[in-house]
PDB file of all heavy atoms in Angstrom:
ATOM      1  N   GLN A   1     -88.911  40.014  30.216  1.00  0.00           N
ATOM      2  CA  GLN A   1     -88.809  41.451  30.354  1.00  0.00           C
ATOM      3  C   GLN A   1     -87.977  42.015  29.184  1.00  0.00           C
ATOM      4  O   GLN A   1     -88.435  43.040  28.653  1.00  0.00           O
ATOM      5  CB  GLN A   1     -88.100  41.834  31.685  1.00  0.00           C
ATOM      6  CG  GLN A   1     -88.065  43.294  31.936  1.00  0.00           C
ATOM      7  CD  GLN A   1     -87.417  43.596  33.305  1.00  0.00           C
ATOM      8  OE1 GLN A   1     -87.106  42.690  34.081  1.00  0.00           O
ATOM      9  NE2 GLN A   1     -87.290  44.865  33.586  1.00  0.00           N
ATOM     10  N   VAL A   2     -86.852  41.450  28.928  1.00  0.00           N
ATOM     11  CA  VAL A   2     -85.982  41.903  27.723  1.00  0.00           C
ATOM     12  C   VAL A   2     -86.340  41.015  26.538  1.00  0.00           C
ATOM     13  O   VAL A   2     -86.523  39.877  26.681  1.00  0.00           O
ATOM     14  CB  VAL A   2     -84.552  41.882  28.066  1.00  0.00           C
ATOM     15  CG1 VAL A   2     -83.705  42.131  26.861  1.00  0.00           C
ATOM     16  CG2 VAL A   2     -84.222  42.872  29.156  1.00  0.00           C
ATOM     17  N   GLN A   3     -86.470  41.675  25.423  1.00  0.00           N
ATOM     18  CA  GLN A   3     -86.806  40.930  24.200  1.00  0.00           C
ATOM     19  C   GLN A   3     -85.831  41.356  23.071  1.00  0.00           C
ATOM     20  O   GLN A   3     -85.518  42.565  22.927  1.00  0.00           O
ATOM     21  CB  GLN A   3     -88.240  41.170  23.760  1.00  0.00           C
ATOM     22  CG  GLN A   3     -88.639  40.395  22.499  1.00  0.00           C
ATOM     23  CD  GLN A   3     -90.116  40.622  22.171  1.00  0.00           C
ATOM     24  OE1 GLN A   3     -90.848  39.718  21.890  1.00  0.00           O
ATOM     25  NE2 GLN A   3     -90.538  41.893  22.282  1.00  0.00           N
ATOM     26  N   LEU A   4     -85.370  40.371  22.264  1.00  0.00           N
ATOM     27  CA  LEU A   4     -84.583  40.686  21.131  1.00  0.00           C
ATOM     28  C   LEU A   4     -85.361  40.359  19.845  1.00  0.00           C
ATOM     29  O   LEU A   4     -86.012  39.319  19.738  1.00  0.00           O
ATOM     30  CB  LEU A   4     -83.331  39.737  21.018  1.00  0.00           C
ATOM     31  CG  LEU A   4     -82.348  39.823  22.237  1.00  0.00           C
ATOM     32  CD1 LEU A   4     -81.140  38.919  21.951  1.00  0.00           C
ATOM     33  CD2 LEU A   4     -81.899  41.221  22.495  1.00  0.00           C
ATOM     34  N   VAL A   5     -85.463  41.379  19.025  1.00  0.00           N
ATOM     35  CA  VAL A   5     -86.263  41.206  17.703  1.00  0.00           C
ATOM     36  C   VAL A   5     -85.327  41.366  16.564  1.00  0.00           C
ATOM     37  O   VAL A   5     -84.632  42.345  16.439  1.00  0.00           O
ATOM     38  CB  VAL A   5     -87.389  42.256  17.668  1.00  0.00           C
ATOM     39  CG1 VAL A   5     -88.115  42.150  16.410  1.00  0.00           C
ATOM     40  CG2 VAL A   5     -88.302  42.063  18.849  1.00  0.00           C
ATOM     41  N   GLU A   6     -85.326  40.358  15.651  1.00  0.00           N
ATOM     42  CA  GLU A   6     -84.465  40.319  14.548  1.00  0.00           C
ATOM     43  C   GLU A   6     -85.300  40.641  13.221  1.00  0.00           C
ATOM     44  O   GLU A   6     -86.457  40.296  13.174  1.00  0.00           O
ATOM     45  CB  GLU A   6     -83.745  38.985  14.415  1.00  0.00           C
ATOM     46  CG  GLU A   6     -82.894  38.622  15.553  1.00  0.00           C
ATOM     47  CD  GLU A   6     -82.768  37.201  15.836  1.00  0.00           C
ATOM     48  OE1 GLU A   6     -83.850  36.528  16.007  1.00  0.00           O
ATOM     49  OE2 GLU A   6     -81.652  36.673  15.833  1.00  0.00           O
ATOM     50  N   SER A   7     -84.665  41.131  12.220  1.00  0.00           N
ATOM     51  CA  SER A   7     -85.226  41.365  10.943  1.00  0.00           C
ATOM     52  C   SER A   7     -84.197  41.382   9.857  1.00  0.00           C
ATOM     53  O   SER A   7     -82.989  41.453  10.187  1.00  0.00           O
ATOM     54  CB  SER A   7     -86.046  42.636  10.930  1.00  0.00           C
ATOM     55  OG  SER A   7     -85.170  43.777  11.116  1.00  0.00           O
ATOM     56  N   GLY A   8     -84.600  41.279   8.615  1.00  0.00           N
ATOM     57  CA  GLY A   8     -83.662  41.406   7.507  1.00  0.00           C
ATOM     58  C   GLY A   8     -83.349  40.092   6.730  1.00  0.00           C
ATOM     59  O   GLY A   8     -82.710  40.161   5.614  1.00  0.00           O
ATOM     60  N   GLY A   9     -83.889  38.975   7.217  1.00  0.00           N
ATOM     61  CA  GLY A   9     -83.624  37.681   6.524  1.00  0.00           C
ATOM     62  C   GLY A   9     -84.558  37.704   5.341  1.00  0.00           C
ATOM     63  O   GLY A   9     -85.405  38.449   5.063  1.00  0.00           O
ATOM     64  N   GLY A  10     -84.210  36.647   4.466  1.00  0.00           N
ATOM     65  CA  GLY A  10     -84.978  36.483   3.210  1.00  0.00           C
ATOM     66  C   GLY A  10     -84.264  35.639   2.238  1.00  0.00           C
ATOM     67  O   GLY A  10     -83.269  34.909   2.556  1.00  0.00           O
ATOM     68  N   LEU A  11     -84.724  35.629   1.022  1.00  0.00           N
ATOM     69  CA  LEU A  11     -84.177  34.831  -0.107  1.00  0.00           C
ATOM     70  C   LEU A  11     -83.330  35.783  -0.978  1.00  0.00           C
ATOM     71  O   LEU A  11     -83.829  36.805  -1.428  1.00  0.00           O
ATOM     72  CB  LEU A  11     -85.328  34.199  -0.904  1.00  0.00           C
ATOM     73  CG  LEU A  11     -84.961  33.431  -2.178  1.00  0.00           C
ATOM     74  CD1 LEU A  11     -84.095  32.248  -1.782  1.00  0.00           C
ATOM     75  CD2 LEU A  11     -86.171  33.016  -2.849  1.00  0.00           C
ATOM     76  N   VAL A  12     -82.134  35.276  -1.248  1.00  0.00           N
ATOM     77  CA  VAL A  12     -81.217  36.056  -2.098  1.00  0.00           C
ATOM     78  C   VAL A  12     -80.430  35.135  -2.965  1.00  0.00           C
ATOM     79  O   VAL A  12     -80.113  33.994  -2.578  1.00  0.00           O
ATOM     80  CB  VAL A  12     -80.333  36.959  -1.254  1.00  0.00           C
ATOM     81  CG1 VAL A  12     -79.396  36.164  -0.369  1.00  0.00           C
ATOM     82  CG2 VAL A  12     -79.509  37.950  -2.125  1.00  0.00           C
ATOM     83  N   GLN A  13     -79.979  35.621  -4.130  1.00  0.00           N
ATOM     84  CA  GLN A  13     -79.226  34.859  -5.050  1.00  0.00           C
ATOM     85  C   GLN A  13     -77.713  34.847  -4.566  1.00  0.00           C
ATOM     86  O   GLN A  13     -77.262  35.813  -3.877  1.00  0.00           O
ATOM     87  CB  GLN A  13     -79.286  35.342  -6.465  1.00  0.00           C
ATOM     88  CG  GLN A  13     -80.561  35.160  -7.102  1.00  0.00           C
ATOM     89  CD  GLN A  13     -80.587  35.570  -8.583  1.00  0.00           C
ATOM     90  OE1 GLN A  13     -79.900  36.507  -8.916  1.00  0.00           O
ATOM     91  NE2 GLN A  13     -81.357  34.889  -9.407  1.00  0.00           N
ATOM     92  N   ALA A  14     -76.992  33.753  -4.936  1.00  0.00           N
ATOM     93  CA  ALA A  14     -75.535  33.702  -4.546  1.00  0.00           C
ATOM     94  C   ALA A  14     -74.833  34.965  -5.161  1.00  0.00           C
ATOM     95  O   ALA A  14     -75.042  35.416  -6.272  1.00  0.00           O
ATOM     96  CB  ALA A  14     -74.902  32.454  -5.171  1.00  0.00           C
ATOM     97  N   GLY A  15     -73.950  35.535  -4.301  1.00  0.00           N
ATOM     98  CA  GLY A  15     -73.271  36.770  -4.703  1.00  0.00           C
ATOM     99  C   GLY A  15     -73.914  38.022  -4.180  1.00  0.00           C
ATOM    100  O   GLY A  15     -73.330  39.061  -4.242  1.00  0.00           O
ATOM    101  N   GLY A  16     -75.144  37.897  -3.751  1.00  0.00           N
ATOM    102  CA  GLY A  16     -75.943  39.032  -3.275  1.00  0.00           C
ATOM    103  C   GLY A  16     -75.630  39.468  -1.900  1.00  0.00           C
ATOM    104  O   GLY A  16     -74.727  38.832  -1.249  1.00  0.00           O
ATOM    105  N   SER A  17     -76.357  40.444  -1.372  1.00  0.00           N
ATOM    106  CA  SER A  17     -76.099  40.953  -0.053  1.00  0.00           C
ATOM    107  C   SER A  17     -77.414  41.047   0.740  1.00  0.00           C
ATOM    108  O   SER A  17     -78.525  41.115   0.223  1.00  0.00           O
ATOM    109  CB  SER A  17     -75.577  42.437  -0.185  1.00  0.00           C
ATOM    110  OG  SER A  17     -74.342  42.422  -0.789  1.00  0.00           O
ATOM    111  N   LEU A  18     -77.231  41.012   2.056  1.00  0.00           N
ATOM    112  CA  LEU A  18     -78.393  41.120   3.012  1.00  0.00           C
ATOM    113  C   LEU A  18     -77.847  41.806   4.270  1.00  0.00           C
ATOM    114  O   LEU A  18     -76.701  41.619   4.642  1.00  0.00           O
ATOM    115  CB  LEU A  18     -78.856  39.655   3.313  1.00  0.00           C
ATOM    116  CG  LEU A  18     -80.320  39.429   3.413  1.00  0.00           C
ATOM    117  CD1 LEU A  18     -81.118  39.924   2.253  1.00  0.00           C
ATOM    118  CD2 LEU A  18     -80.580  37.879   3.604  1.00  0.00           C
ATOM    119  N   ARG A  19     -78.678  42.526   4.903  1.00  0.00           N
ATOM    120  CA  ARG A  19     -78.343  43.181   6.165  1.00  0.00           C
ATOM    121  C   ARG A  19     -79.325  42.755   7.307  1.00  0.00           C
ATOM    122  O   ARG A  19     -80.536  43.093   7.172  1.00  0.00           O
ATOM    123  CB  ARG A  19     -78.296  44.683   6.064  1.00  0.00           C
ATOM    124  CG  ARG A  19     -77.669  45.377   7.234  1.00  0.00           C
ATOM    125  CD  ARG A  19     -77.912  46.905   7.166  1.00  0.00           C
ATOM    126  NE  ARG A  19     -77.123  47.659   8.135  1.00  0.00           N
ATOM    127  CZ  ARG A  19     -77.488  48.819   8.570  1.00  0.00           C
ATOM    128  NH1 ARG A  19     -78.572  49.438   8.227  1.00  0.00           N
ATOM    129  NH2 ARG A  19     -76.683  49.396   9.527  1.00  0.00           N
ATOM    130  N   LEU A  20     -78.858  42.048   8.321  1.00  0.00           N
ATOM    131  CA  LEU A  20     -79.664  41.685   9.391  1.00  0.00           C
ATOM    132  C   LEU A  20     -79.549  42.698  10.536  1.00  0.00           C
ATOM    133  O   LEU A  20     -78.541  43.358  10.716  1.00  0.00           O
ATOM    134  CB  LEU A  20     -79.169  40.349   9.958  1.00  0.00           C
ATOM    135  CG  LEU A  20     -79.108  39.187   8.959  1.00  0.00           C
ATOM    136  CD1 LEU A  20     -78.726  37.872   9.689  1.00  0.00           C
ATOM    137  CD2 LEU A  20     -80.418  39.001   8.167  1.00  0.00           C
ATOM    138  N   SER A  21     -80.631  42.859  11.306  1.00  0.00           N
ATOM    139  CA  SER A  21     -80.608  43.741  12.443  1.00  0.00           C
ATOM    140  C   SER A  21     -81.231  43.024  13.684  1.00  0.00           C
ATOM    141  O   SER A  21     -82.062  42.150  13.498  1.00  0.00           O
ATOM    142  CB  SER A  21     -81.408  45.036  12.152  1.00  0.00           C
ATOM    143  OG  SER A  21     -82.755  44.781  11.936  1.00  0.00           O
ATOM    144  N   CYS A  22     -80.812  43.427  14.826  1.00  0.00           N
ATOM    145  CA  CYS A  22     -81.303  42.827  16.100  1.00  0.00           C
ATOM    146  C   CYS A  22     -81.395  43.950  17.092  1.00  0.00           C
ATOM    147  O   CYS A  22     -80.390  44.635  17.416  1.00  0.00           O
ATOM    148  CB  CYS A  22     -80.358  41.775  16.587  1.00  0.00           C
ATOM    149  SG  CYS A  22     -80.721  41.201  18.233  1.00  0.00           S
ATOM    150  N   THR A  23     -82.641  44.178  17.573  1.00  0.00           N
ATOM    151  CA  THR A  23     -82.840  45.294  18.533  1.00  0.00           C
ATOM    152  C   THR A  23     -83.376  44.733  19.858  1.00  0.00           C
ATOM    153  O   THR A  23     -84.369  43.934  19.848  1.00  0.00           O
ATOM    154  CB  THR A  23     -83.811  46.310  18.011  1.00  0.00           C
ATOM    155  OG1 THR A  23     -83.303  46.937  16.819  1.00  0.00           O
ATOM    156  CG2 THR A  23     -84.108  47.410  19.047  1.00  0.00           C
ATOM    157  N   ALA A  24     -82.723  45.056  20.944  1.00  0.00           N
ATOM    158  CA  ALA A  24     -83.149  44.649  22.255  1.00  0.00           C
ATOM    159  C   ALA A  24     -83.999  45.747  22.910  1.00  0.00           C
ATOM    160  O   ALA A  24     -83.770  46.985  22.735  1.00  0.00           O
ATOM    161  CB  ALA A  24     -81.990  44.455  23.198  1.00  0.00           C
ATOM    162  N   SER A  25     -85.140  45.333  23.519  1.00  0.00           N
ATOM    163  CA  SER A  25     -86.060  46.250  24.167  1.00  0.00           C
ATOM    164  C   SER A  25     -86.360  45.815  25.565  1.00  0.00           C
ATOM    165  O   SER A  25     -86.226  44.627  25.915  1.00  0.00           O
ATOM    166  CB  SER A  25     -87.331  46.394  23.266  1.00  0.00           C
ATOM    167  OG  SER A  25     -88.027  45.181  23.218  1.00  0.00           O
ATOM    168  N   GLY A  26     -86.825  46.745  26.321  1.00  0.00           N
ATOM    169  CA  GLY A  26     -87.086  46.468  27.757  1.00  0.00           C
ATOM    170  C   GLY A  26     -86.444  47.501  28.681  1.00  0.00           C
ATOM    171  O   GLY A  26     -85.935  48.490  28.192  1.00  0.00           O
ATOM    172  N   SER A  27     -86.392  47.134  29.964  1.00  0.00           N
ATOM    173  CA  SER A  27     -85.782  48.086  30.928  1.00  0.00           C
ATOM    174  C   SER A  27     -84.329  47.770  30.957  1.00  0.00           C
ATOM    175  O   SER A  27     -83.769  47.324  31.983  1.00  0.00           O
ATOM    176  CB  SER A  27     -86.388  47.837  32.304  1.00  0.00           C
ATOM    177  OG  SER A  27     -87.815  48.069  32.298  1.00  0.00           O
ATOM    178  N   ILE A  28     -83.584  48.156  29.854  1.00  0.00           N
ATOM    179  CA  ILE A  28     -82.188  47.900  29.710  1.00  0.00           C
ATOM    180  C   ILE A  28     -81.262  48.917  30.344  1.00  0.00           C
ATOM    181  O   ILE A  28     -81.432  50.098  30.114  1.00  0.00           O
ATOM    182  CB  ILE A  28     -81.862  47.722  28.243  1.00  0.00           C
ATOM    183  CG1 ILE A  28     -82.652  46.512  27.671  1.00  0.00           C
ATOM    184  CG2 ILE A  28     -80.330  47.522  28.042  1.00  0.00           C
ATOM    185  CD1 ILE A  28     -82.544  46.408  26.121  1.00  0.00           C
ATOM    186  N   LEU A  29     -80.347  48.457  31.123  1.00  0.00           N
ATOM    187  CA  LEU A  29     -79.333  49.375  31.685  1.00  0.00           C
ATOM    188  C   LEU A  29     -78.137  49.441  30.827  1.00  0.00           C
ATOM    189  O   LEU A  29     -77.487  50.470  30.639  1.00  0.00           O
ATOM    190  CB  LEU A  29     -78.975  48.966  33.141  1.00  0.00           C
ATOM    191  CG  LEU A  29     -80.134  48.952  34.163  1.00  0.00           C
ATOM    192  CD1 LEU A  29     -79.642  48.442  35.512  1.00  0.00           C
ATOM    193  CD2 LEU A  29     -80.649  50.390  34.317  1.00  0.00           C
ATOM    194  N   SER A  30     -77.658  48.230  30.316  1.00  0.00           N
ATOM    195  CA  SER A  30     -76.548  48.178  29.424  1.00  0.00           C
ATOM    196  C   SER A  30     -76.542  46.869  28.742  1.00  0.00           C
ATOM    197  O   SER A  30     -76.964  45.918  29.177  1.00  0.00           O
ATOM    198  CB  SER A  30     -75.225  48.400  30.199  1.00  0.00           C
ATOM    199  OG  SER A  30     -74.934  47.262  31.046  1.00  0.00           O
ATOM    200  N   THR A  31     -75.902  46.929  27.510  1.00  0.00           N
ATOM    201  CA  THR A  31     -75.682  45.739  26.684  1.00  0.00           C
ATOM    202  C   THR A  31     -74.190  45.535  26.580  1.00  0.00           C
ATOM    203  O   THR A  31     -73.534  46.373  26.010  1.00  0.00           O
ATOM    204  CB  THR A  31     -76.339  45.915  25.293  1.00  0.00           C
ATOM    205  OG1 THR A  31     -77.659  46.136  25.376  1.00  0.00           O
ATOM    206  CG2 THR A  31     -76.067  44.644  24.468  1.00  0.00           C
ATOM    207  N   GLN A  32     -73.741  44.418  27.208  1.00  0.00           N
ATOM    208  CA  GLN A  32     -72.267  44.217  27.294  1.00  0.00           C
ATOM    209  C   GLN A  32     -71.685  43.521  26.075  1.00  0.00           C
ATOM    210  O   GLN A  32     -70.475  43.690  25.769  1.00  0.00           O
ATOM    211  CB  GLN A  32     -71.968  43.387  28.540  1.00  0.00           C
ATOM    212  CG  GLN A  32     -72.402  44.076  29.864  1.00  0.00           C
ATOM    213  CD  GLN A  32     -71.663  45.314  30.172  1.00  0.00           C
ATOM    214  OE1 GLN A  32     -70.459  45.404  29.904  1.00  0.00           O
ATOM    215  NE2 GLN A  32     -72.324  46.298  30.718  1.00  0.00           N
ATOM    216  N   PHE A  33     -72.451  42.680  25.422  1.00  0.00           N
ATOM    217  CA  PHE A  33     -71.951  41.806  24.399  1.00  0.00           C
ATOM    218  C   PHE A  33     -73.177  41.395  23.467  1.00  0.00           C
ATOM    219  O   PHE A  33     -74.220  41.092  23.884  1.00  0.00           O
ATOM    220  CB  PHE A  33     -71.361  40.584  25.056  1.00  0.00           C
ATOM    221  CG  PHE A  33     -70.871  39.491  24.109  1.00  0.00           C
ATOM    222  CD1 PHE A  33     -69.640  39.462  23.619  1.00  0.00           C
ATOM    223  CD2 PHE A  33     -71.741  38.382  23.743  1.00  0.00           C
ATOM    224  CE1 PHE A  33     -69.152  38.440  22.829  1.00  0.00           C
ATOM    225  CE2 PHE A  33     -71.358  37.418  22.903  1.00  0.00           C
ATOM    226  CZ  PHE A  33     -70.057  37.409  22.455  1.00  0.00           C
ATOM    227  N   MET A  34     -72.908  41.484  22.147  1.00  0.00           N
ATOM    228  CA  MET A  34     -73.908  40.974  21.193  1.00  0.00           C
ATOM    229  C   MET A  34     -73.225  40.118  20.135  1.00  0.00           C
ATOM    230  O   MET A  34     -72.047  40.361  19.836  1.00  0.00           O
ATOM    231  CB  MET A  34     -74.606  42.160  20.502  1.00  0.00           C
ATOM    232  CG  MET A  34     -75.359  43.059  21.517  1.00  0.00           C
ATOM    233  SD  MET A  34     -76.469  44.253  20.673  1.00  0.00           S
ATOM    234  CE  MET A  34     -77.875  43.263  20.335  1.00  0.00           C
ATOM    235  N   ALA A  35     -73.955  39.126  19.658  1.00  0.00           N
ATOM    236  CA  ALA A  35     -73.378  38.174  18.730  1.00  0.00           C
ATOM    237  C   ALA A  35     -74.463  37.676  17.789  1.00  0.00           C
ATOM    238  O   ALA A  35     -75.655  37.708  18.009  1.00  0.00           O
ATOM    239  CB  ALA A  35     -72.703  37.044  19.389  1.00  0.00           C
ATOM    240  N   TRP A  36     -73.973  37.172  16.598  1.00  0.00           N
ATOM    241  CA  TRP A  36     -74.846  36.498  15.688  1.00  0.00           C
ATOM    242  C   TRP A  36     -74.347  35.020  15.561  1.00  0.00           C
ATOM    243  O   TRP A  36     -73.197  34.784  15.406  1.00  0.00           O
ATOM    244  CB  TRP A  36     -74.731  37.151  14.267  1.00  0.00           C
ATOM    245  CG  TRP A  36     -75.494  38.442  14.216  1.00  0.00           C
ATOM    246  CD1 TRP A  36     -74.889  39.655  14.305  1.00  0.00           C
ATOM    247  CD2 TRP A  36     -76.844  38.664  13.955  1.00  0.00           C
ATOM    248  NE1 TRP A  36     -75.884  40.638  14.186  1.00  0.00           N
ATOM    249  CE2 TRP A  36     -77.118  40.055  13.920  1.00  0.00           C
ATOM    250  CE3 TRP A  36     -77.942  37.764  13.743  1.00  0.00           C
ATOM    251  CZ2 TRP A  36     -78.344  40.587  13.712  1.00  0.00           C
ATOM    252  CZ3 TRP A  36     -79.214  38.335  13.596  1.00  0.00           C
ATOM    253  CH2 TRP A  36     -79.362  39.724  13.535  1.00  0.00           C
ATOM    254  N   TYR A  37     -75.297  34.107  15.717  1.00  0.00           N
ATOM    255  CA  TYR A  37     -75.018  32.672  15.503  1.00  0.00           C
ATOM    256  C   TYR A  37     -75.854  32.248  14.308  1.00  0.00           C
ATOM    257  O   TYR A  37     -76.842  32.898  13.908  1.00  0.00           O
ATOM    258  CB  TYR A  37     -75.436  31.854  16.745  1.00  0.00           C
ATOM    259  CG  TYR A  37     -74.558  31.986  17.929  1.00  0.00           C
ATOM    260  CD1 TYR A  37     -74.538  33.100  18.737  1.00  0.00           C
ATOM    261  CD2 TYR A  37     -73.626  30.985  18.194  1.00  0.00           C
ATOM    262  CE1 TYR A  37     -73.720  33.160  19.806  1.00  0.00           C
ATOM    263  CE2 TYR A  37     -72.757  31.096  19.309  1.00  0.00           C
ATOM    264  CZ  TYR A  37     -72.837  32.216  20.078  1.00  0.00           C
ATOM    265  OH  TYR A  37     -71.960  32.281  21.156  1.00  0.00           O
ATOM    266  N   ARG A  38     -75.574  31.092  13.747  1.00  0.00           N
ATOM    267  CA  ARG A  38     -76.366  30.510  12.696  1.00  0.00           C
ATOM    268  C   ARG A  38     -76.444  29.018  12.884  1.00  0.00           C
ATOM    269  O   ARG A  38     -75.498  28.384  13.463  1.00  0.00           O
ATOM    270  CB  ARG A  38     -75.889  30.882  11.337  1.00  0.00           C
ATOM    271  CG  ARG A  38     -74.613  30.185  10.920  1.00  0.00           C
ATOM    272  CD  ARG A  38     -74.188  30.739   9.539  1.00  0.00           C
ATOM    273  NE  ARG A  38     -73.042  29.961   8.976  1.00  0.00           N
ATOM    274  CZ  ARG A  38     -72.413  30.285   7.916  1.00  0.00           C
ATOM    275  NH1 ARG A  38     -72.771  31.393   7.165  1.00  0.00           N
ATOM    276  NH2 ARG A  38     -71.405  29.560   7.443  1.00  0.00           N
ATOM    277  N   GLN A  39     -77.522  28.444  12.346  1.00  0.00           N
ATOM    278  CA  GLN A  39     -77.663  26.981  12.400  1.00  0.00           C
ATOM    279  C   GLN A  39     -78.390  26.516  11.128  1.00  0.00           C
ATOM    280  O   GLN A  39     -79.492  26.911  10.882  1.00  0.00           O
ATOM    281  CB  GLN A  39     -78.452  26.526  13.620  1.00  0.00           C
ATOM    282  CG  GLN A  39     -78.551  24.996  13.799  1.00  0.00           C
ATOM    283  CD  GLN A  39     -79.038  24.595  15.144  1.00  0.00           C
ATOM    284  OE1 GLN A  39     -79.791  25.338  15.807  1.00  0.00           O
ATOM    285  NE2 GLN A  39     -78.683  23.401  15.589  1.00  0.00           N
ATOM    286  N   ALA A  40     -77.671  25.660  10.391  1.00  0.00           N
ATOM    287  CA  ALA A  40     -78.268  25.088   9.138  1.00  0.00           C
ATOM    288  C   ALA A  40     -78.819  23.684   9.535  1.00  0.00           C
ATOM    289  O   ALA A  40     -78.423  23.047  10.475  1.00  0.00           O
ATOM    290  CB  ALA A  40     -77.216  24.995   8.087  1.00  0.00           C
ATOM    291  N   PRO A  41     -79.774  23.212   8.785  1.00  0.00           N
ATOM    292  CA  PRO A  41     -80.349  21.869   8.991  1.00  0.00           C
ATOM    293  C   PRO A  41     -79.276  20.762   9.094  1.00  0.00           C
ATOM    294  O   PRO A  41     -78.462  20.697   8.174  1.00  0.00           O
ATOM    295  CB  PRO A  41     -81.302  21.654   7.785  1.00  0.00           C
ATOM    296  CG  PRO A  41     -81.739  23.074   7.466  1.00  0.00           C
ATOM    297  CD  PRO A  41     -80.493  23.846   7.629  1.00  0.00           C
ATOM    298  N   GLY A  42     -79.338  20.041  10.140  1.00  0.00           N
ATOM    299  CA  GLY A  42     -78.327  18.935  10.281  1.00  0.00           C
ATOM    300  C   GLY A  42     -76.997  19.377  10.907  1.00  0.00           C
ATOM    301  O   GLY A  42     -76.162  18.475  11.181  1.00  0.00           O
TER     302      GLY A  42
END
């Protein structure tokens, strides 16, 4: 019912910048907490 959609990733050179976004959609009453996690290979 609820879906999170992310965008903004890509390839960038060291020292550069990037802005990620995450939007929740569905019959939402409230969003209590949001977070970003990451996982690299291994």
